[in-house]
Amino acid sequence: MFGIGGGELFVIILLVLMLFGSDKVPEMARNIGRGMQQLKNATNDIKSEINRSAEVQDIKKTITEIGADNAHKDMQQEVDKLKQDVEDVSGPIKRSR
């Protein structure tokens, strides 16, 4: 976004010291650090949840595809069986003509 040079950082530190005093700055820094850590943890949790959700969706899609493939194979086997049955029944009829 934007860079802070050494001079600007010095002015910010000086202003913080003047506004809050030297005894409050370490406590504020700890609180800011804790807040940033909590934000980082929350972000990581959200990323993990999104990844888990994506994995679950991929697994569901794969299961659906496998189920569709198996259903197609089962239907093809049934059609083949029916064809064979029809041929078995119609075979003697065709021969008798």
N, C-alpha and C. Protein backbone atom coordinates (compact mmCIF):
# COMPACT_ATOMS: atom_id res chain seq x y z
N MET A 1 0.83 -1.18 0.00
CA MET A 1 0.00 0.00 0.00
C MET A 1 0.88 1.24 0.00
N PHE A 2 1.40 1.58 1.14
CA PHE A 2 2.26 2.75 1.20
C PHE A 2 3.41 2.43 2.13
N GLY A 3 4.54 3.01 1.86
CA GLY A 3 5.72 2.75 2.68
C GLY A 3 5.95 3.86 3.69
N ILE A 4 6.45 3.45 4.84
CA ILE A 4 6.78 4.43 5.88
C ILE A 4 8.29 4.46 5.98
N GLY A 5 8.84 5.63 5.83
CA GLY A 5 10.28 5.80 5.94
C GLY A 5 10.70 5.94 7.39
N GLY A 6 12.00 6.00 7.61
CA GLY A 6 12.53 6.11 8.97
C GLY A 6 12.08 7.38 9.68
N GLY A 7 12.02 8.49 8.94
CA GLY A 7 11.62 9.77 9.54
C GLY A 7 10.17 9.75 9.98
N GLU A 8 9.32 9.20 9.13
CA GLU A 8 7.89 9.14 9.47
C GLU A 8 7.65 8.23 10.67
N LEU A 9 8.38 7.10 10.72
CA LEU A 9 8.24 6.17 11.84
C LEU A 9 8.68 6.83 13.14
N PHE A 10 9.74 7.60 13.09
CA PHE A 10 10.22 8.31 14.28
C PHE A 10 9.17 9.30 14.78
N VAL A 11 8.54 10.03 13.87
CA VAL A 11 7.51 11.01 14.25
C VAL A 11 6.32 10.28 14.88
N ILE A 12 5.92 9.16 14.32
CA ILE A 12 4.79 8.40 14.87
C ILE A 12 5.12 7.92 16.28
N ILE A 13 6.31 7.37 16.48
CA ILE A 13 6.71 6.90 17.81
C ILE A 13 6.74 8.06 18.79
N LEU A 14 7.25 9.18 18.39
CA LEU A 14 7.30 10.37 19.25
C LEU A 14 5.90 10.82 19.63
N LEU A 15 4.97 10.84 18.67
CA LEU A 15 3.59 11.23 18.96
C LEU A 15 2.93 10.25 19.93
N VAL A 16 3.15 8.95 19.74
CA VAL A 16 2.56 7.95 20.63
C VAL A 16 3.10 8.14 22.04
N LEU A 17 4.39 8.36 22.18
CA LEU A 17 4.97 8.58 23.50
C LEU A 17 4.41 9.83 24.17
N MET A 18 4.22 10.89 23.39
CA MET A 18 3.68 12.14 23.95
C MET A 18 2.22 11.98 24.35
N LEU A 19 1.44 11.26 23.55
CA LEU A 19 0.02 11.12 23.83
C LEU A 19 -0.27 10.17 24.99
N PHE A 20 0.43 9.05 25.05
CA PHE A 20 0.07 8.01 26.01
C PHE A 20 1.08 7.85 27.14
N GLY A 21 2.26 8.36 26.99
CA GLY A 21 3.28 8.23 28.04
C GLY A 21 4.05 6.93 27.88
N SER A 22 5.26 6.95 28.40
CA SER A 22 6.15 5.80 28.22
C SER A 22 5.68 4.57 29.00
N ASP A 23 4.91 4.77 30.08
CA ASP A 23 4.46 3.62 30.87
C ASP A 23 3.33 2.85 30.18
N LYS A 24 2.55 3.49 29.31
CA LYS A 24 1.43 2.83 28.63
C LYS A 24 1.83 2.17 27.30
N VAL A 25 2.91 2.59 26.71
CA VAL A 25 3.30 2.10 25.38
C VAL A 25 3.55 0.59 25.37
N PRO A 26 4.29 0.01 26.32
CA PRO A 26 4.49 -1.45 26.28
C PRO A 26 3.17 -2.23 26.39
N GLU A 27 2.28 -1.75 27.23
CA GLU A 27 0.97 -2.41 27.38
C GLU A 27 0.18 -2.31 26.07
N MET A 28 0.22 -1.16 25.45
CA MET A 28 -0.48 -0.98 24.16
C MET A 28 0.12 -1.89 23.09
N ALA A 29 1.45 -1.99 23.07
CA ALA A 29 2.11 -2.84 22.08
C ALA A 29 1.72 -4.30 22.29
N ARG A 30 1.64 -4.75 23.55
CA ARG A 30 1.21 -6.12 23.84
C ARG A 30 -0.22 -6.35 23.36
N ASN A 31 -1.09 -5.39 23.65
CA ASN A 31 -2.49 -5.52 23.23
C ASN A 31 -2.62 -5.54 21.71
N ILE A 32 -1.85 -4.70 21.04
CA ILE A 32 -1.87 -4.69 19.58
C ILE A 32 -1.35 -6.03 19.05
N GLY A 33 -0.29 -6.54 19.65
CA GLY A 33 0.27 -7.84 19.25
C GLY A 33 -0.74 -8.96 19.45
N ARG A 34 -1.43 -8.97 20.60
CA ARG A 34 -2.46 -9.98 20.85
C ARG A 34 -3.59 -9.87 19.83
N GLY A 35 -4.00 -8.64 19.56
CA GLY A 35 -5.08 -8.44 18.58
C GLY A 35 -4.68 -8.93 17.20
N MET A 36 -3.45 -8.64 16.80
CA MET A 36 -2.98 -9.10 15.50
C MET A 36 -2.89 -10.62 15.46
N GLN A 37 -2.47 -11.25 16.57
CA GLN A 37 -2.39 -12.71 16.62
C GLN A 37 -3.78 -13.33 16.53
N GLN A 38 -4.75 -12.72 17.23
CA GLN A 38 -6.13 -13.22 17.16
C GLN A 38 -6.68 -13.08 15.74
N LEU A 39 -6.38 -11.97 15.11
CA LEU A 39 -6.81 -11.76 13.72
C LEU A 39 -6.18 -12.80 12.80
N LYS A 40 -4.89 -13.07 12.99
CA LYS A 40 -4.20 -14.07 12.18
C LYS A 40 -4.81 -15.45 12.41
N ASN A 41 -5.09 -15.80 13.67
CA ASN A 41 -5.69 -17.10 13.97
C ASN A 41 -7.08 -17.22 13.35
N ALA A 42 -7.86 -16.16 13.43
CA ALA A 42 -9.21 -16.18 12.85
C ALA A 42 -9.12 -16.34 11.33
N THR A 43 -8.18 -15.64 10.71
CA THR A 43 -7.99 -15.76 9.27
C THR A 43 -7.60 -17.18 8.89
N ASN A 44 -6.68 -17.77 9.66
CA ASN A 44 -6.26 -19.14 9.39
C ASN A 44 -7.42 -20.12 9.57
N ASP A 45 -8.24 -19.89 10.59
CA ASP A 45 -9.41 -20.75 10.81
C ASP A 45 -10.37 -20.66 9.63
N ILE A 46 -10.60 -19.47 9.14
CA ILE A 46 -11.50 -19.29 7.98
C ILE A 46 -10.92 -19.98 6.75
N LYS A 47 -9.62 -19.82 6.52
CA LYS A 47 -8.98 -20.49 5.39
C LYS A 47 -9.10 -22.00 5.51
N SER A 48 -8.87 -22.52 6.71
CA SER A 48 -8.97 -23.97 6.92
C SER A 48 -10.39 -24.46 6.66
N GLU A 49 -11.37 -23.70 7.12
CA GLU A 49 -12.77 -24.09 6.91
C GLU A 49 -13.13 -24.08 5.43
N ILE A 50 -12.64 -23.08 4.72
CA ILE A 50 -12.90 -23.00 3.28
C ILE A 50 -12.26 -24.20 2.58
N ASN A 51 -11.02 -24.53 2.95
CA ASN A 51 -10.34 -25.67 2.34
C ASN A 51 -11.06 -26.97 2.64
N ARG A 52 -11.51 -27.14 3.91
CA ARG A 52 -12.26 -28.35 4.27
C ARG A 52 -13.55 -28.44 3.48
N SER A 53 -14.22 -27.32 3.33
CA SER A 53 -15.47 -27.30 2.58
C SER A 53 -15.23 -27.66 1.12
N ALA A 54 -14.16 -27.14 0.56
CA ALA A 54 -13.82 -27.46 -0.84
C ALA A 54 -13.49 -28.94 -0.98
N GLU A 55 -12.77 -29.50 0.00
CA GLU A 55 -12.45 -30.93 -0.05
C GLU A 55 -13.72 -31.77 0.03
N VAL A 56 -14.65 -31.38 0.90
CA VAL A 56 -15.90 -32.11 1.02
C VAL A 56 -16.68 -32.04 -0.29
N GLN A 57 -16.71 -30.87 -0.92
CA GLN A 57 -17.40 -30.74 -2.20
C GLN A 57 -16.76 -31.62 -3.27
N ASP A 58 -15.41 -31.69 -3.28
CA ASP A 58 -14.72 -32.55 -4.24
C ASP A 58 -15.04 -34.01 -3.99
N ILE A 59 -15.09 -34.40 -2.73
CA ILE A 59 -15.42 -35.79 -2.39
C ILE A 59 -16.85 -36.11 -2.82
N LYS A 60 -17.78 -35.20 -2.54
CA LYS A 60 -19.17 -35.42 -2.94
C LYS A 60 -19.28 -35.54 -4.46
N LYS A 61 -18.56 -34.69 -5.18
CA LYS A 61 -18.59 -34.72 -6.65
C LYS A 61 -18.04 -36.05 -7.15
N THR A 62 -16.94 -36.49 -6.55
CA THR A 62 -16.33 -37.76 -6.95
C THR A 62 -17.28 -38.92 -6.69
N ILE A 63 -17.91 -38.92 -5.52
CA ILE A 63 -18.86 -39.99 -5.18
C ILE A 63 -20.02 -39.98 -6.17
N THR A 64 -20.51 -38.81 -6.50
CA THR A 64 -21.61 -38.71 -7.47
C THR A 64 -21.18 -39.24 -8.83
N GLU A 65 -19.98 -38.87 -9.26
CA GLU A 65 -19.48 -39.35 -10.55
C GLU A 65 -19.30 -40.86 -10.54
N ILE A 66 -18.76 -41.39 -9.45
CA ILE A 66 -18.57 -42.85 -9.35
C ILE A 66 -19.93 -43.54 -9.36
N GLY A 67 -20.88 -42.97 -8.63
CA GLY A 67 -22.23 -43.54 -8.60
C GLY A 67 -22.86 -43.52 -9.98
N ALA A 68 -22.67 -42.44 -10.71
CA ALA A 68 -23.23 -42.33 -12.06
C ALA A 68 -22.57 -43.35 -12.98
N ASP A 69 -21.25 -43.52 -12.85
CA ASP A 69 -20.55 -44.50 -13.67
C ASP A 69 -21.03 -45.91 -13.37
N ASN A 70 -21.20 -46.21 -12.09
CA ASN A 70 -21.67 -47.54 -11.70
C ASN A 70 -23.10 -47.76 -12.17
N ALA A 71 -23.93 -46.74 -12.06
CA ALA A 71 -25.32 -46.87 -12.50
C ALA A 71 -25.35 -47.10 -14.00
N HIS A 72 -24.52 -46.41 -14.75
CA HIS A 72 -24.45 -46.59 -16.20
C HIS A 72 -24.00 -48.02 -16.53
N LYS A 73 -22.99 -48.50 -15.82
CA LYS A 73 -22.52 -49.87 -16.06
C LYS A 73 -23.61 -50.88 -15.72
N ASP A 74 -24.31 -50.67 -14.60
CA ASP A 74 -25.39 -51.59 -14.21
C ASP A 74 -26.50 -51.60 -15.26
N MET A 75 -26.86 -50.41 -15.74
CA MET A 75 -27.91 -50.34 -16.76
C MET A 75 -27.46 -51.01 -18.05
N GLN A 76 -26.21 -50.82 -18.42
CA GLN A 76 -25.69 -51.45 -19.64
C GLN A 76 -25.70 -52.97 -19.50
N GLN A 77 -25.35 -53.47 -18.33
CA GLN A 77 -25.38 -54.92 -18.10
C GLN A 77 -26.81 -55.45 -18.21
N GLU A 78 -27.77 -54.72 -17.66
CA GLU A 78 -29.17 -55.14 -17.75
C GLU A 78 -29.65 -55.15 -19.20
N VAL A 79 -29.28 -54.12 -19.96
CA VAL A 79 -29.66 -54.07 -21.37
C VAL A 79 -29.04 -55.24 -22.12
N ASP A 80 -27.77 -55.53 -21.84
CA ASP A 80 -27.12 -56.67 -22.50
C ASP A 80 -27.81 -57.98 -22.15
N LYS A 81 -28.21 -58.13 -20.88
CA LYS A 81 -28.93 -59.34 -20.47
C LYS A 81 -30.26 -59.45 -21.21
N LEU A 82 -30.97 -58.33 -21.31
CA LEU A 82 -32.25 -58.35 -22.02
C LEU A 82 -32.05 -58.71 -23.50
N LYS A 83 -31.02 -58.16 -24.12
CA LYS A 83 -30.73 -58.48 -25.52
C LYS A 83 -30.46 -59.98 -25.67
N GLN A 84 -29.69 -60.50 -24.75
CA GLN A 84 -29.37 -61.93 -24.81
C GLN A 84 -30.63 -62.77 -24.62
N ASP A 85 -31.49 -62.36 -23.67
CA ASP A 85 -32.74 -63.08 -23.45
C ASP A 85 -33.61 -63.05 -24.71
N VAL A 86 -33.70 -61.88 -25.34
CA VAL A 86 -34.50 -61.75 -26.56
C VAL A 86 -33.92 -62.64 -27.65
N GLU A 87 -32.60 -62.65 -27.78
CA GLU A 87 -31.96 -63.48 -28.78
C GLU A 87 -32.19 -64.96 -28.49
N ASP A 88 -32.15 -65.33 -27.19
CA ASP A 88 -32.37 -66.72 -26.82
C ASP A 88 -33.79 -67.16 -27.18
N VAL A 89 -34.74 -66.27 -26.93
CA VAL A 89 -36.14 -66.59 -27.22
C VAL A 89 -36.42 -66.54 -28.71
N SER A 90 -35.89 -65.53 -29.38
CA SER A 90 -36.19 -65.36 -30.80
C SER A 90 -35.35 -66.28 -31.68
N GLY A 91 -34.27 -66.82 -31.16
CA GLY A 91 -33.41 -67.69 -31.94
C GLY A 91 -34.15 -68.90 -32.50
N PRO A 92 -34.85 -69.66 -31.65
CA PRO A 92 -35.57 -70.82 -32.19
C PRO A 92 -36.70 -70.41 -33.12
N ILE A 93 -37.28 -69.25 -32.91
CA ILE A 93 -38.39 -68.81 -33.78
C ILE A 93 -37.84 -68.52 -35.15
N LYS A 94 -36.71 -67.84 -35.23
CA LYS A 94 -36.12 -67.52 -36.52
C LYS A 94 -35.69 -68.79 -37.25
N ARG A 95 -35.20 -69.78 -36.57
CA ARG A 95 -34.71 -71.00 -37.17
C ARG A 95 -35.86 -71.86 -37.70
N SER A 96 -37.00 -71.74 -37.05
CA SER A 96 -38.11 -72.61 -37.44
C SER A 96 -38.79 -72.16 -38.72
N ARG A 97 -38.57 -71.03 -39.20
CA ARG A 97 -39.20 -70.52 -40.42
C ARG A 97 -38.75 -71.23 -41.58
